[in-house]
Amino acid sequence: MPDAPPLRAELLLDQEAPEALGQDLTAALDGLGVRTARVRRTVDHRGVGDLPWLVLVSLPLQAFLGGLGAEAVRDAYASFKGVVRRAAGRGDGGAPRPLVLQDDRSGLSVVLEPDLPAEAYEQLLGLDLTTFRMGPLHYDRRLGRWRSELDEAAG
């Protein structure tokens, strides 16, 4: 896939996210072939139903996940996972908040918590997002799989 144009992403950082986190995430995504088109800060308030994320990355999600399976991006992917862990793990004593990947077309979101097991990331790489209608997708540790509770409730 060397001739394919790079994927584009937009980053939305919470007001509490340090500037260095945006820079680290931009660098990690760049290593995975994703060019960050824009980095913005959120407004001070959110609605009651909004996820309490620290960073939201909007990009063509299925293409991004499909491209991560190549051996050539193993080190860059490890770097990305490290940024996710740092982003979501709060050093200020507050509750950890996830990094959220959101498909820029469908709006489907995937919640990446700081302590996800390796198998969650491995499953995510092969996940067919078209099988989900609503999100957010969370990794269920008890069941050992990604799921959307809203899809399950509607089905």
Protein backbone atom coordinates (compact mmCIF):
# COMPACT_ATOMS: atom_id res chain seq x y z
CA MET A 1 0.00 0.00 0.00
CA PRO A 2 2.98 2.38 -0.50
CA ASP A 3 1.29 4.29 -3.36
CA ALA A 4 -1.94 4.93 -1.45
CA PRO A 5 -2.45 8.49 -0.28
CA PRO A 6 -1.98 8.95 3.47
CA LEU A 7 -5.02 8.79 5.70
CA ARG A 8 -6.06 12.08 7.29
CA ALA A 9 -7.10 12.54 10.90
CA GLU A 10 -8.39 15.32 13.10
CA LEU A 11 -7.54 15.40 16.79
CA LEU A 12 -9.81 16.96 19.37
CA LEU A 13 -8.13 17.43 22.74
CA ASP A 14 -9.94 17.99 26.00
CA GLN A 15 -9.05 21.22 27.79
CA GLU A 16 -7.14 19.16 30.38
CA ALA A 17 -4.98 17.34 27.82
CA PRO A 18 -1.37 18.56 27.86
CA GLU A 19 -0.02 20.04 24.62
CA ALA A 20 2.72 17.41 24.58
CA LEU A 21 0.07 14.68 24.37
CA GLY A 22 -1.26 16.11 21.11
CA GLN A 23 2.28 16.25 19.75
CA ASP A 24 3.02 12.66 20.84
CA LEU A 25 -0.19 11.37 19.31
CA THR A 26 0.42 13.28 16.07
CA ALA A 27 3.91 11.73 15.85
CA ALA A 28 2.58 8.22 16.61
CA LEU A 29 -0.15 8.53 13.97
CA ASP A 30 2.39 9.89 11.48
CA GLY A 31 4.47 6.75 12.06
CA LEU A 32 1.41 4.73 11.08
CA GLY A 33 0.88 6.67 7.84
CA VAL A 34 -1.83 8.98 9.18
CA ARG A 35 -1.38 12.70 8.62
CA THR A 36 -3.02 14.94 11.19
CA ALA A 37 -4.94 17.61 9.34
CA ARG A 38 -5.95 19.61 12.39
CA VAL A 39 -5.58 19.63 16.18
CA ARG A 40 -8.25 21.49 18.15
CA ARG A 41 -9.33 21.94 21.77
CA THR A 42 -12.84 21.21 23.03
CA VAL A 43 -15.20 23.72 24.49
CA ASP A 44 -15.55 23.66 28.26
CA HIS A 45 -18.77 21.64 28.46
CA ARG A 46 -20.28 18.47 27.05
CA GLY A 47 -23.71 16.92 27.09
CA VAL A 48 -24.76 14.37 29.70
CA GLY A 49 -24.55 11.46 27.23
CA ASP A 50 -21.06 12.30 25.95
CA LEU A 51 -18.14 9.96 26.62
CA PRO A 52 -15.65 11.40 29.12
CA TRP A 53 -12.70 11.15 26.70
CA LEU A 54 -9.42 13.00 26.86
CA VAL A 55 -8.58 12.80 23.14
CA LEU A 56 -10.85 12.09 20.17
CA VAL A 57 -9.24 11.06 16.88
CA SER A 58 -11.51 11.27 13.83
CA LEU A 59 -10.29 9.37 10.77
CA PRO A 60 -11.31 6.69 8.21
CA LEU A 61 -11.34 4.04 10.92
CA GLN A 62 -11.66 0.78 8.93
CA ALA A 63 -8.83 1.83 6.59
CA PHE A 64 -6.69 2.80 9.58
CA LEU A 65 -7.25 -0.49 11.41
CA GLY A 66 -6.78 -2.52 8.23
CA GLY A 67 -3.42 -0.89 7.58
CA LEU A 68 -2.11 -1.65 11.05
CA GLY A 69 -1.83 -5.38 10.48
CA ALA A 70 1.31 -5.09 8.33
CA GLU A 71 4.59 -6.21 9.86
CA ALA A 72 6.27 -2.98 8.76
CA VAL A 73 4.25 -0.91 11.23
CA ARG A 74 4.83 -3.06 14.33
CA ASP A 75 7.15 -0.55 16.07
CA ALA A 76 4.95 2.41 15.12
CA TYR A 77 1.89 0.58 16.44
CA ALA A 78 3.68 -0.12 19.73
CA SER A 79 4.40 3.61 19.95
CA PHE A 80 0.72 4.39 19.29
CA LYS A 81 -0.40 2.00 22.06
CA GLY A 82 2.06 3.68 24.42
CA VAL A 83 0.55 7.08 23.64
CA VAL A 84 -2.95 5.67 24.25
CA ARG A 85 -1.86 4.40 27.66
CA ARG A 86 -0.26 7.74 28.56
CA ALA A 87 -3.24 9.69 27.23
CA ALA A 88 -5.83 7.75 29.16
CA GLY A 89 -3.87 7.16 32.36
CA ARG A 90 -4.25 10.31 34.42
CA GLY A 91 -1.23 11.38 36.39
CA ASP A 92 -3.14 14.02 38.36
CA GLY A 93 -5.09 11.55 40.50
CA GLY A 94 -8.28 11.95 38.47
CA ALA A 95 -10.17 9.04 36.97
CA PRO A 96 -8.57 7.62 33.81
CA ARG A 97 -10.27 8.77 30.62
CA PRO A 98 -10.00 6.97 27.30
CA LEU A 99 -8.73 7.93 23.91
CA VAL A 100 -11.55 7.53 21.38
CA LEU A 101 -11.16 6.67 17.71
CA GLN A 102 -14.14 7.83 15.65
CA ASP A 103 -14.89 6.95 12.06
CA ASP A 104 -15.15 10.20 10.13
CA ARG A 105 -17.91 8.82 7.89
CA SER A 106 -20.21 6.69 10.03
CA GLY A 107 -19.54 8.32 13.41
CA LEU A 108 -18.91 4.88 14.97
CA SER A 109 -16.48 5.21 17.85
CA VAL A 110 -14.04 2.81 19.53
CA VAL A 111 -13.03 3.45 23.13
CA LEU A 112 -9.37 2.72 23.93
CA GLU A 113 -8.92 2.49 27.67
CA PRO A 114 -5.41 2.75 29.15
CA ASP A 115 -5.17 -0.81 30.43
CA LEU A 116 -6.50 -2.79 27.47
CA PRO A 117 -4.91 -6.22 27.16
CA ALA A 118 -2.83 -7.05 24.09
CA GLU A 119 -5.56 -9.33 22.76
CA ALA A 120 -7.98 -6.38 22.63
CA TYR A 121 -5.64 -4.56 20.25
CA GLU A 122 -5.09 -7.72 18.21
CA GLN A 123 -8.84 -8.24 17.84
CA LEU A 124 -9.35 -4.59 16.96
CA LEU A 125 -7.01 -4.92 13.98
CA GLY A 126 -9.22 -7.59 12.43
CA LEU A 127 -12.56 -6.17 13.50
CA ASP A 128 -15.12 -5.63 10.74
CA LEU A 129 -16.71 -2.35 11.75
CA THR A 130 -19.53 -2.78 9.23
CA THR A 131 -21.05 -5.40 11.55
CA PHE A 132 -21.84 -2.63 14.06
CA ARG A 133 -24.56 -0.03 13.60
CA MET A 134 -24.16 2.03 16.76
CA GLY A 135 -21.36 2.67 19.14
CA PRO A 136 -19.43 3.18 21.10
CA LEU A 137 -17.50 -0.07 20.94
CA HIS A 138 -15.90 -1.20 24.20
CA TYR A 139 -13.69 -4.18 24.87
CA ASP A 140 -15.49 -6.54 27.25
CA ARG A 141 -12.79 -8.22 29.33
CA ARG A 142 -15.15 -10.84 30.72
CA LEU A 143 -16.29 -11.94 27.25
CA GLY A 144 -12.93 -11.28 25.61
CA ARG A 145 -14.38 -9.34 22.66
CA TRP A 146 -15.33 -5.94 21.33
CA ARG A 147 -19.02 -5.12 21.58
CA SER A 148 -21.59 -2.39 21.27
CA GLU A 149 -24.18 -2.56 24.03
CA LEU A 150 -26.46 -0.29 22.01
CA ASP A 151 -26.41 -2.69 19.04
CA GLU A 152 -27.13 -5.60 21.36
CA ALA A 153 -30.04 -3.77 23.01
CA ALA A 154 -31.52 -2.79 19.64
CA GLY A 155 -31.11 -6.34 18.22
